[in-house]
Amino acid sequence: MPIGFRYPQPRSYVPSFAARALNVYDGAINITASFHQGLIRKAGRVRGTVTAQACNDQICLPPANLPIAANPE
């Protein structure tokens, strides 16, 4: 299990359908997960799920669960 996550700073955006600003990410972003030393090497591969929701200035699609995987370097 990760011991922490680091997200980039979101951008504040007010779409036409919202009364207030939403914090959003635009384009490709990096999310960093921290693990106890040696844990990933022992596991061999890290898998997980990221939940994302695509929006434009008029609507938002339902949230989607996106699978992710990484190998230790």
C-alpha atoms as a PDB file:
ATOM      1  CA  MET A   1       0.000   0.000   0.000  1.00  0.00           C
ATOM      2  CA  PRO A   2       1.205   3.530  -0.727  1.00  0.00           C
ATOM      3  CA  ILE A   3       2.114   5.698   2.212  1.00  0.00           C
ATOM      4  CA  GLY A   4       1.243   8.929   0.379  1.00  0.00           C
ATOM      5  CA  PHE A   5       0.205  10.591  -2.860  1.00  0.00           C
ATOM      6  CA  ARG A   6       1.330  13.914  -4.351  1.00  0.00           C
ATOM      7  CA  TYR A   7      -0.994  15.658  -6.819  1.00  0.00           C
ATOM      8  CA  PRO A   8      -0.190  18.707  -8.951  1.00  0.00           C
ATOM      9  CA  GLN A   9      -1.809  22.044  -8.167  1.00  0.00           C
ATOM     10  CA  PRO A  10      -5.285  22.126  -9.791  1.00  0.00           C
ATOM     11  CA  ARG A  11      -6.536  25.016 -11.862  1.00  0.00           C
ATOM     12  CA  SER A  12      -9.706  26.889 -10.835  1.00  0.00           C
ATOM     13  CA  TYR A  13     -12.352  26.899 -13.604  1.00  0.00           C
ATOM     14  CA  VAL A  14     -16.007  28.011 -13.763  1.00  0.00           C
ATOM     15  CA  PRO A  15     -17.912  26.094 -16.480  1.00  0.00           C
ATOM     16  CA  SER A  16     -21.171  27.513 -17.836  1.00  0.00           C
ATOM     17  CA  PHE A  17     -23.250  24.935 -15.900  1.00  0.00           C
ATOM     18  CA  ALA A  18     -21.727  25.662 -12.470  1.00  0.00           C
ATOM     19  CA  ALA A  19     -22.411  28.461 -10.016  1.00  0.00           C
ATOM     20  CA  ARG A  20     -18.914  28.286  -8.547  1.00  0.00           C
ATOM     21  CA  ALA A  21     -15.393  27.378  -9.562  1.00  0.00           C
ATOM     22  CA  LEU A  22     -14.270  23.758  -9.841  1.00  0.00           C
ATOM     23  CA  ASN A  23     -10.705  22.584  -9.265  1.00  0.00           C
ATOM     24  CA  VAL A  24      -9.627  20.788 -12.452  1.00  0.00           C
ATOM     25  CA  TYR A  25      -6.618  19.273 -14.185  1.00  0.00           C
ATOM     26  CA  ASP A  26      -6.062  19.887 -17.877  1.00  0.00           C
ATOM     27  CA  GLY A  27      -4.059  17.675 -20.210  1.00  0.00           C
ATOM     28  CA  ALA A  28      -1.526  15.138 -18.941  1.00  0.00           C
ATOM     29  CA  ILE A  29      -0.678  15.258 -15.243  1.00  0.00           C
ATOM     30  CA  ASN A  30       1.688  13.360 -12.946  1.00  0.00           C
ATOM     31  CA  ILE A  31       0.479  11.861  -9.669  1.00  0.00           C
ATOM     32  CA  THR A  32       3.274  10.516  -7.473  1.00  0.00           C
ATOM     33  CA  ALA A  33       2.765   7.648  -5.012  1.00  0.00           C
ATOM     34  CA  SER A  34       5.268   7.009  -2.207  1.00  0.00           C
ATOM     35  CA  PHE A  35       5.923   3.501  -0.869  1.00  0.00           C
ATOM     36  CA  HIS A  36       8.039   2.067   1.928  1.00  0.00           C
ATOM     37  CA  GLN A  37      11.581   1.397   0.707  1.00  0.00           C
ATOM     38  CA  GLY A  38      11.949  -1.971  -1.082  1.00  0.00           C
ATOM     39  CA  LEU A  39       8.211  -2.705  -1.254  1.00  0.00           C
ATOM     40  CA  ILE A  40       7.857  -2.222  -5.017  1.00  0.00           C
ATOM     41  CA  ARG A  41      10.916  -4.343  -5.827  1.00  0.00           C
ATOM     42  CA  LYS A  42       9.445  -7.148  -3.722  1.00  0.00           C
ATOM     43  CA  ALA A  43       6.014  -6.819  -5.383  1.00  0.00           C
ATOM     44  CA  GLY A  44       7.479  -6.680  -8.916  1.00  0.00           C
ATOM     45  CA  ARG A  45       4.619  -4.610 -10.333  1.00  0.00           C
ATOM     46  CA  VAL A  46       2.225  -1.990  -8.985  1.00  0.00           C
ATOM     47  CA  ARG A  47      -1.369  -1.903 -10.169  1.00  0.00           C
ATOM     48  CA  GLY A  48      -4.202   0.397  -9.240  1.00  0.00           C
ATOM     49  CA  THR A  49      -7.126   2.469 -10.418  1.00  0.00           C
ATOM     50  CA  VAL A  50      -7.469   6.204 -10.968  1.00  0.00           C
ATOM     51  CA  THR A  51     -10.941   7.727 -11.097  1.00  0.00           C
ATOM     52  CA  ALA A  52     -11.253  10.590 -13.597  1.00  0.00           C
ATOM     53  CA  GLN A  53     -14.117  12.674 -14.943  1.00  0.00           C
ATOM     54  CA  ALA A  54     -13.967  14.403 -18.323  1.00  0.00           C
ATOM     55  CA  CYS A  55     -15.717  17.774 -18.636  1.00  0.00           C
ATOM     56  CA  ASN A  56     -15.964  20.644 -21.066  1.00  0.00           C
ATOM     57  CA  ASP A  57     -17.523  24.074 -20.597  1.00  0.00           C
ATOM     58  CA  GLN A  58     -21.066  22.657 -20.903  1.00  0.00           C
ATOM     59  CA  ILE A  59     -21.201  19.134 -19.431  1.00  0.00           C
ATOM     60  CA  CYS A  60     -19.322  16.500 -17.451  1.00  0.00           C
ATOM     61  CA  LEU A  61     -19.280  12.836 -18.389  1.00  0.00           C
ATOM     62  CA  PRO A  62     -19.798  10.235 -15.649  1.00  0.00           C
ATOM     63  CA  PRO A  63     -16.634   9.369 -13.696  1.00  0.00           C
ATOM     64  CA  ALA A  64     -14.546   6.532 -15.165  1.00  0.00           C
ATOM     65  CA  ASN A  65     -12.215   4.137 -13.360  1.00  0.00           C
ATOM     66  CA  LEU A  66      -8.966   3.861 -15.324  1.00  0.00           C
ATOM     67  CA  PRO A  67      -6.539   1.001 -14.632  1.00  0.00           C
ATOM     68  CA  ILE A  68      -2.867   1.888 -14.095  1.00  0.00           C
ATOM     69  CA  ALA A  69       0.257  -0.270 -13.789  1.00  0.00           C
ATOM     70  CA  ALA A  70       3.956   0.393 -13.256  1.00  0.00           C
ATOM     71  CA  ASN A  71       7.115  -1.677 -13.032  1.00  0.00           C
ATOM     72  CA  PRO A  72       9.933  -0.748 -10.642  1.00  0.00           C
ATOM     73  CA  GLU A  73      12.904   0.976 -12.252  1.00  0.00           C
END
